[in-house]
Amino acid sequence: MDWSAIISEIGGGLPAVVIVALAWMNWQERKRNDELTRARFDDFRTHNDQMHANTQTLGRALDALEGRVRG
């Protein structure tokens, strides 16, 4: 990517440099935000799997206790 070509394409000068710099910063921030969002979804999936396993374990424990009380 040729930064000078982009700057001259939008008119050159300080305003064009500022526009390009802000666009680049926005792109970097969006990329970082996407990475963080993916990481949070991975955390959510892991947590959800753990909660599912805990619920199943609790269900089996309650079934075992119920069997002892009734049996």
PDB file of N, CA and C in Angstrom:
ATOM      1  N   MET A   1       0.854  -1.166   0.000  1.00  0.00           N
ATOM      2  CA  MET A   1       0.000   0.000   0.000  1.00  0.00           C
ATOM      3  C   MET A   1       0.902   1.231   0.000  1.00  0.00           C
ATOM      4  N   ASP A   2       0.695   2.098  -0.921  1.00  0.00           N
ATOM      5  CA  ASP A   2       1.495   3.311  -1.046  1.00  0.00           C
ATOM      6  C   ASP A   2       0.757   4.463  -0.376  1.00  0.00           C
ATOM      7  N   TRP A   3       1.236   4.825   0.814  1.00  0.00           N
ATOM      8  CA  TRP A   3       0.564   5.854   1.596  1.00  0.00           C
ATOM      9  C   TRP A   3       0.568   7.203   0.892  1.00  0.00           C
ATOM     10  N   SER A   4       1.668   7.535   0.234  1.00  0.00           N
ATOM     11  CA  SER A   4       1.733   8.837  -0.435  1.00  0.00           C
ATOM     12  C   SER A   4       0.729   8.928  -1.575  1.00  0.00           C
ATOM     13  N   ALA A   5       0.490   7.811  -2.260  1.00  0.00           N
ATOM     14  CA  ALA A   5      -0.507   7.806  -3.332  1.00  0.00           C
ATOM     15  C   ALA A   5      -1.911   8.006  -2.769  1.00  0.00           C
ATOM     16  N   ILE A   6      -2.183   7.378  -1.657  1.00  0.00           N
ATOM     17  CA  ILE A   6      -3.495   7.524  -1.025  1.00  0.00           C
ATOM     18  C   ILE A   6      -3.694   8.959  -0.560  1.00  0.00           C
ATOM     19  N   ILE A   7      -2.664   9.528   0.064  1.00  0.00           N
ATOM     20  CA  ILE A   7      -2.764  10.903   0.564  1.00  0.00           C
ATOM     21  C   ILE A   7      -2.963  11.881  -0.586  1.00  0.00           C
ATOM     22  N   SER A   8      -2.211  11.694  -1.673  1.00  0.00           N
ATOM     23  CA  SER A   8      -2.384  12.618  -2.806  1.00  0.00           C
ATOM     24  C   SER A   8      -3.736  12.417  -3.485  1.00  0.00           C
ATOM     25  N   GLU A   9      -4.268  11.200  -3.441  1.00  0.00           N
ATOM     26  CA  GLU A   9      -5.576  10.912  -4.044  1.00  0.00           C
ATOM     27  C   GLU A   9      -6.693  11.665  -3.335  1.00  0.00           C
ATOM     28  N   ILE A  10      -6.568  11.860  -2.020  1.00  0.00           N
ATOM     29  CA  ILE A  10      -7.631  12.566  -1.299  1.00  0.00           C
ATOM     30  C   ILE A  10      -7.297  14.042  -1.087  1.00  0.00           C
ATOM     31  N   GLY A  11      -6.357  14.551  -1.836  1.00  0.00           N
ATOM     32  CA  GLY A  11      -6.135  15.990  -1.852  1.00  0.00           C
ATOM     33  C   GLY A  11      -4.816  16.454  -1.272  1.00  0.00           C
ATOM     34  N   GLY A  12      -4.096  15.580  -0.586  1.00  0.00           N
ATOM     35  CA  GLY A  12      -2.803  15.952  -0.029  1.00  0.00           C
ATOM     36  C   GLY A  12      -2.918  16.887   1.158  1.00  0.00           C
ATOM     37  N   GLY A  13      -1.784  17.243   1.689  1.00  0.00           N
ATOM     38  CA  GLY A  13      -1.740  18.165   2.811  1.00  0.00           C
ATOM     39  C   GLY A  13      -2.040  17.495   4.143  1.00  0.00           C
ATOM     40  N   LEU A  14      -2.010  18.307   5.166  1.00  0.00           N
ATOM     41  CA  LEU A  14      -2.243  17.826   6.527  1.00  0.00           C
ATOM     42  C   LEU A  14      -3.618  17.180   6.716  1.00  0.00           C
ATOM     43  N   PRO A  15      -4.698  17.757   6.176  1.00  0.00           N
ATOM     44  CA  PRO A  15      -6.001  17.097   6.350  1.00  0.00           C
ATOM     45  C   PRO A  15      -6.020  15.666   5.792  1.00  0.00           C
ATOM     46  N   ALA A  16      -5.380  15.464   4.660  1.00  0.00           N
ATOM     47  CA  ALA A  16      -5.348  14.122   4.074  1.00  0.00           C
ATOM     48  C   ALA A  16      -4.535  13.166   4.945  1.00  0.00           C
ATOM     49  N   VAL A  17      -3.429  13.659   5.495  1.00  0.00           N
ATOM     50  CA  VAL A  17      -2.614  12.826   6.390  1.00  0.00           C
ATOM     51  C   VAL A  17      -3.421  12.446   7.630  1.00  0.00           C
ATOM     52  N   VAL A  18      -4.162  13.392   8.169  1.00  0.00           N
ATOM     53  CA  VAL A  18      -4.991  13.123   9.351  1.00  0.00           C
ATOM     54  C   VAL A  18      -6.073  12.101   9.018  1.00  0.00           C
ATOM     55  N   ILE A  19      -6.697  12.245   7.863  1.00  0.00           N
ATOM     56  CA  ILE A  19      -7.741  11.300   7.452  1.00  0.00           C
ATOM     57  C   ILE A  19      -7.172   9.895   7.326  1.00  0.00           C
ATOM     58  N   VAL A  20      -6.028   9.776   6.686  1.00  0.00           N
ATOM     59  CA  VAL A  20      -5.404   8.457   6.516  1.00  0.00           C
ATOM     60  C   VAL A  20      -5.002   7.884   7.874  1.00  0.00           C
ATOM     61  N   ALA A  21      -4.438   8.720   8.736  1.00  0.00           N
ATOM     62  CA  ALA A  21      -4.035   8.235  10.061  1.00  0.00           C
ATOM     63  C   ALA A  21      -5.240   7.767  10.870  1.00  0.00           C
ATOM     64  N   LEU A  22      -6.328   8.510  10.822  1.00  0.00           N
ATOM     65  CA  LEU A  22      -7.537   8.105  11.548  1.00  0.00           C
ATOM     66  C   LEU A  22      -8.140   6.828  10.971  1.00  0.00           C
ATOM     67  N   ALA A  23      -8.106   6.702   9.670  1.00  0.00           N
ATOM     68  CA  ALA A  23      -8.616   5.479   9.042  1.00  0.00           C
ATOM     69  C   ALA A  23      -7.776   4.276   9.447  1.00  0.00           C
ATOM     70  N   TRP A  24      -6.461   4.454   9.474  1.00  0.00           N
ATOM     71  CA  TRP A  24      -5.576   3.359   9.875  1.00  0.00           C
ATOM     72  C   TRP A  24      -5.818   2.983  11.338  1.00  0.00           C
ATOM     73  N   MET A  25      -5.950   3.984  12.205  1.00  0.00           N
ATOM     74  CA  MET A  25      -6.216   3.712  13.624  1.00  0.00           C
ATOM     75  C   MET A  25      -7.553   2.995  13.799  1.00  0.00           C
ATOM     76  N   ASN A  26      -8.560   3.413  13.031  1.00  0.00           N
ATOM     77  CA  ASN A  26      -9.866   2.763  13.100  1.00  0.00           C
ATOM     78  C   ASN A  26      -9.761   1.299  12.681  1.00  0.00           C
ATOM     79  N   TRP A  27      -8.996   1.050  11.622  1.00  0.00           N
ATOM     80  CA  TRP A  27      -8.820  -0.327  11.147  1.00  0.00           C
ATOM     81  C   TRP A  27      -8.114  -1.174  12.209  1.00  0.00           C
ATOM     82  N   GLN A  28      -7.071  -0.609  12.834  1.00  0.00           N
ATOM     83  CA  GLN A  28      -6.349  -1.332  13.883  1.00  0.00           C
ATOM     84  C   GLN A  28      -7.268  -1.635  15.070  1.00  0.00           C
ATOM     85  N   GLU A  29      -8.057  -0.657  15.463  1.00  0.00           N
ATOM     86  CA  GLU A  29      -8.960  -0.846  16.600  1.00  0.00           C
ATOM     87  C   GLU A  29     -10.047  -1.875  16.279  1.00  0.00           C
ATOM     88  N   ARG A  30     -10.558  -1.845  15.055  1.00  0.00           N
ATOM     89  CA  ARG A  30     -11.566  -2.825  14.659  1.00  0.00           C
ATOM     90  C   ARG A  30     -10.981  -4.233  14.658  1.00  0.00           C
ATOM     91  N   LYS A  31      -9.749  -4.361  14.183  1.00  0.00           N
ATOM     92  CA  LYS A  31      -9.072  -5.662  14.174  1.00  0.00           C
ATOM     93  C   LYS A  31      -8.896  -6.179  15.604  1.00  0.00           C
ATOM     94  N   ARG A  32      -8.469  -5.287  16.498  1.00  0.00           N
ATOM     95  CA  ARG A  32      -8.298  -5.658  17.910  1.00  0.00           C
ATOM     96  C   ARG A  32      -9.641  -6.038  18.538  1.00  0.00           C
ATOM     97  N   ASN A  33     -10.675  -5.278  18.245  1.00  0.00           N
ATOM     98  CA  ASN A  33     -11.995  -5.565  18.781  1.00  0.00           C
ATOM     99  C   ASN A  33     -12.508  -6.920  18.288  1.00  0.00           C
ATOM    100  N   ASP A  34     -12.280  -7.223  17.024  1.00  0.00           N
ATOM    101  CA  ASP A  34     -12.694  -8.526  16.487  1.00  0.00           C
ATOM    102  C   ASP A  34     -11.980  -9.666  17.200  1.00  0.00           C
ATOM    103  N   GLU A  35     -10.682  -9.495  17.464  1.00  0.00           N
ATOM    104  CA  GLU A  35      -9.933 -10.529  18.183  1.00  0.00           C
ATOM    105  C   GLU A  35     -10.468 -10.721  19.594  1.00  0.00           C
ATOM    106  N   LEU A  36     -10.765  -9.613  20.275  1.00  0.00           N
ATOM    107  CA  LEU A  36     -11.308  -9.706  21.625  1.00  0.00           C
ATOM    108  C   LEU A  36     -12.699 -10.338  21.633  1.00  0.00           C
ATOM    109  N   THR A  37     -13.506 -10.008  20.638  1.00  0.00           N
ATOM    110  CA  THR A  37     -14.846 -10.590  20.550  1.00  0.00           C
ATOM    111  C   THR A  37     -14.755 -12.096  20.337  1.00  0.00           C
ATOM    112  N   ARG A  38     -13.862 -12.518  19.437  1.00  0.00           N
ATOM    113  CA  ARG A  38     -13.674 -13.958  19.230  1.00  0.00           C
ATOM    114  C   ARG A  38     -13.226 -14.642  20.515  1.00  0.00           C
ATOM    115  N   ALA A  39     -12.326 -14.008  21.244  1.00  0.00           N
ATOM    116  CA  ALA A  39     -11.851 -14.589  22.500  1.00  0.00           C
ATOM    117  C   ALA A  39     -12.987 -14.701  23.517  1.00  0.00           C
ATOM    118  N   ARG A  40     -13.848 -13.681  23.593  1.00  0.00           N
ATOM    119  CA  ARG A  40     -14.974 -13.742  24.535  1.00  0.00           C
ATOM    120  C   ARG A  40     -15.956 -14.844  24.143  1.00  0.00           C
ATOM    121  N   PHE A  41     -16.197 -15.028  22.842  1.00  0.00           N
ATOM    122  CA  PHE A  41     -17.074 -16.115  22.410  1.00  0.00           C
ATOM    123  C   PHE A  41     -16.468 -17.470  22.763  1.00  0.00           C
ATOM    124  N   ASP A  42     -15.157 -17.600  22.623  1.00  0.00           N
ATOM    125  CA  ASP A  42     -14.502 -18.848  23.017  1.00  0.00           C
ATOM    126  C   ASP A  42     -14.646 -19.076  24.518  1.00  0.00           C
ATOM    127  N   ASP A  43     -14.475 -17.999  25.301  1.00  0.00           N
ATOM    128  CA  ASP A  43     -14.675 -18.115  26.751  1.00  0.00           C
ATOM    129  C   ASP A  43     -16.106 -18.534  27.070  1.00  0.00           C
ATOM    130  N   PHE A  44     -17.077 -17.940  26.358  1.00  0.00           N
ATOM    131  CA  PHE A  44     -18.478 -18.263  26.585  1.00  0.00           C
ATOM    132  C   PHE A  44     -18.747 -19.735  26.268  1.00  0.00           C
ATOM    133  N   ARG A  45     -18.204 -20.213  25.153  1.00  0.00           N
ATOM    134  CA  ARG A  45     -18.409 -21.619  24.798  1.00  0.00           C
ATOM    135  C   ARG A  45     -17.811 -22.550  25.839  1.00  0.00           C
ATOM    136  N   THR A  46     -16.612 -22.229  26.306  1.00  0.00           N
ATOM    137  CA  THR A  46     -15.966 -23.045  27.340  1.00  0.00           C
ATOM    138  C   THR A  46     -16.793 -23.035  28.617  1.00  0.00           C
ATOM    139  N   HIS A  47     -17.239 -21.860  29.021  1.00  0.00           N
ATOM    140  CA  HIS A  47     -18.063 -21.744  30.222  1.00  0.00           C
ATOM    141  C   HIS A  47     -19.366 -22.521  30.066  1.00  0.00           C
ATOM    142  N   ASN A  48     -19.976 -22.414  28.899  1.00  0.00           N
ATOM    143  CA  ASN A  48     -21.224 -23.118  28.638  1.00  0.00           C
ATOM    144  C   ASN A  48     -21.023 -24.629  28.718  1.00  0.00           C
ATOM    145  N   ASP A  49     -19.925 -25.122  28.158  1.00  0.00           N
ATOM    146  CA  ASP A  49     -19.628 -26.554  28.234  1.00  0.00           C
ATOM    147  C   ASP A  49     -19.419 -26.998  29.679  1.00  0.00           C
ATOM    148  N   GLN A  50     -18.719 -26.169  30.463  1.00  0.00           N
ATOM    149  CA  GLN A  50     -18.497 -26.499  31.870  1.00  0.00           C
ATOM    150  C   GLN A  50     -19.808 -26.504  32.651  1.00  0.00           C
ATOM    151  N   MET A  51     -20.662 -25.539  32.392  1.00  0.00           N
ATOM    152  CA  MET A  51     -21.949 -25.499  33.085  1.00  0.00           C
ATOM    153  C   MET A  51     -22.816 -26.699  32.704  1.00  0.00           C
ATOM    154  N   HIS A  52     -22.754 -27.098  31.450  1.00  0.00           N
ATOM    155  CA  HIS A  52     -23.509 -28.272  31.003  1.00  0.00           C
ATOM    156  C   HIS A  52     -23.025 -29.527  31.739  1.00  0.00           C
ATOM    157  N   ALA A  53     -21.705 -29.678  31.835  1.00  0.00           N
ATOM    158  CA  ALA A  53     -21.152 -30.828  32.546  1.00  0.00           C
ATOM    159  C   ALA A  53     -21.538 -30.788  34.022  1.00  0.00           C
ATOM    160  N   ASN A  54     -21.496 -29.610  34.636  1.00  0.00           N
ATOM    161  CA  ASN A  54     -21.889 -29.485  36.043  1.00  0.00           C
ATOM    162  C   ASN A  54     -23.364 -29.835  36.246  1.00  0.00           C
ATOM    163  N   THR A  55     -24.202 -29.397  35.330  1.00  0.00           N
ATOM    164  CA  THR A  55     -25.634 -29.702  35.422  1.00  0.00           C
ATOM    165  C   THR A  55     -25.870 -31.197  35.307  1.00  0.00           C
ATOM    166  N   GLN A  56     -25.167 -31.850  34.399  1.00  0.00           N
ATOM    167  CA  GLN A  56     -25.321 -33.299  34.260  1.00  0.00           C
ATOM    168  C   GLN A  56     -24.843 -34.027  35.518  1.00  0.00           C
ATOM    169  N   THR A  57     -23.725 -33.588  36.084  1.00  0.00           N
ATOM    170  CA  THR A  57     -23.213 -34.199  37.306  1.00  0.00           C
ATOM    171  C   THR A  57     -24.201 -34.014  38.454  1.00  0.00           C
ATOM    172  N   LEU A  58     -24.747 -32.825  38.577  1.00  0.00           N
ATOM    173  CA  LEU A  58     -25.735 -32.560  39.617  1.00  0.00           C
ATOM    174  C   LEU A  58     -26.973 -33.428  39.420  1.00  0.00           C
ATOM    175  N   GLY A  59     -27.403 -33.576  38.180  1.00  0.00           N
ATOM    176  CA  GLY A  59     -28.559 -34.427  37.894  1.00  0.00           C
ATOM    177  C   GLY A  59     -28.311 -35.869  38.297  1.00  0.00           C
ATOM    178  N   ARG A  60     -27.118 -36.384  37.981  1.00  0.00           N
ATOM    179  CA  ARG A  60     -26.798 -37.763  38.372  1.00  0.00           C
ATOM    180  C   ARG A  60     -26.732 -37.903  39.891  1.00  0.00           C
ATOM    181  N   ALA A  61     -26.170 -36.897  40.564  1.00  0.00           N
ATOM    182  CA  ALA A  61     -26.090 -36.943  42.029  1.00  0.00           C
ATOM    183  C   ALA A  61     -27.487 -36.924  42.647  1.00  0.00           C
ATOM    184  N   LEU A  62     -28.359 -36.087  42.117  1.00  0.00           N
ATOM    185  CA  LEU A  62     -29.734 -36.045  42.645  1.00  0.00           C
ATOM    186  C   LEU A  62     -30.474 -37.346  42.373  1.00  0.00           C
ATOM    187  N   ASP A  63     -30.252 -37.918  41.194  1.00  0.00           N
ATOM    188  CA  ASP A  63     -30.869 -39.219  40.890  1.00  0.00           C
ATOM    189  C   ASP A  63     -30.384 -40.288  41.862  1.00  0.00           C
ATOM    190  N   ALA A  64     -29.084 -40.268  42.185  1.00  0.00           N
ATOM    191  CA  ALA A  64     -28.534 -41.248  43.123  1.00  0.00           C
ATOM    192  C   ALA A  64     -29.123 -41.041  44.515  1.00  0.00           C
ATOM    193  N   LEU A  65     -29.228 -39.810  44.951  1.00  0.00           N
ATOM    194  CA  LEU A  65     -29.818 -39.535  46.264  1.00  0.00           C
ATOM    195  C   LEU A  65     -31.289 -39.917  46.300  1.00  0.00           C
ATOM    196  N   GLU A  66     -31.986 -39.641  45.214  1.00  0.00           N
ATOM    197  CA  GLU A  66     -33.404 -40.004  45.141  1.00  0.00           C
ATOM    198  C   GLU A  66     -33.579 -41.506  45.231  1.00  0.00           C
ATOM    199  N   GLY A  67     -32.693 -42.243  44.598  1.00  0.00           N
ATOM    200  CA  GLY A  67     -32.760 -43.703  44.637  1.00  0.00           C
ATOM    201  C   GLY A  67     -32.515 -44.234  46.033  1.00  0.00           C
ATOM    202  N   ARG A  68     -31.632 -43.599  46.771  1.00  0.00           N
ATOM    203  CA  ARG A  68     -31.347 -44.050  48.145  1.00  0.00           C
ATOM    204  C   ARG A  68     -32.534 -43.785  49.059  1.00  0.00           C
ATOM    205  N   VAL A  69     -33.174 -42.656  48.865  1.00  0.00           N
ATOM    206  CA  VAL A  69     -34.306 -42.303  49.724  1.00  0.00           C
ATOM    207  C   VAL A  69     -35.485 -43.226  49.453  1.00  0.00           C
ATOM    208  N   ARG A  70     -35.746 -43.472  48.180  1.00  0.00           N
ATOM    209  CA  ARG A  70     -36.899 -44.306  47.812  1.00  0.00           C
ATOM    210  C   ARG A  70     -36.607 -45.793  47.941  1.00  0.00           C
ATOM    211  N   GLY A  71     -35.314 -46.161  47.744  1.00  0.00           N
ATOM    212  CA  GLY A  71     -34.952 -47.573  47.666  1.00  0.00           C
ATOM    213  C   GLY A  71     -34.894 -48.235  48.977  1.00  0.00           C
TER     214      GLY A  71
END
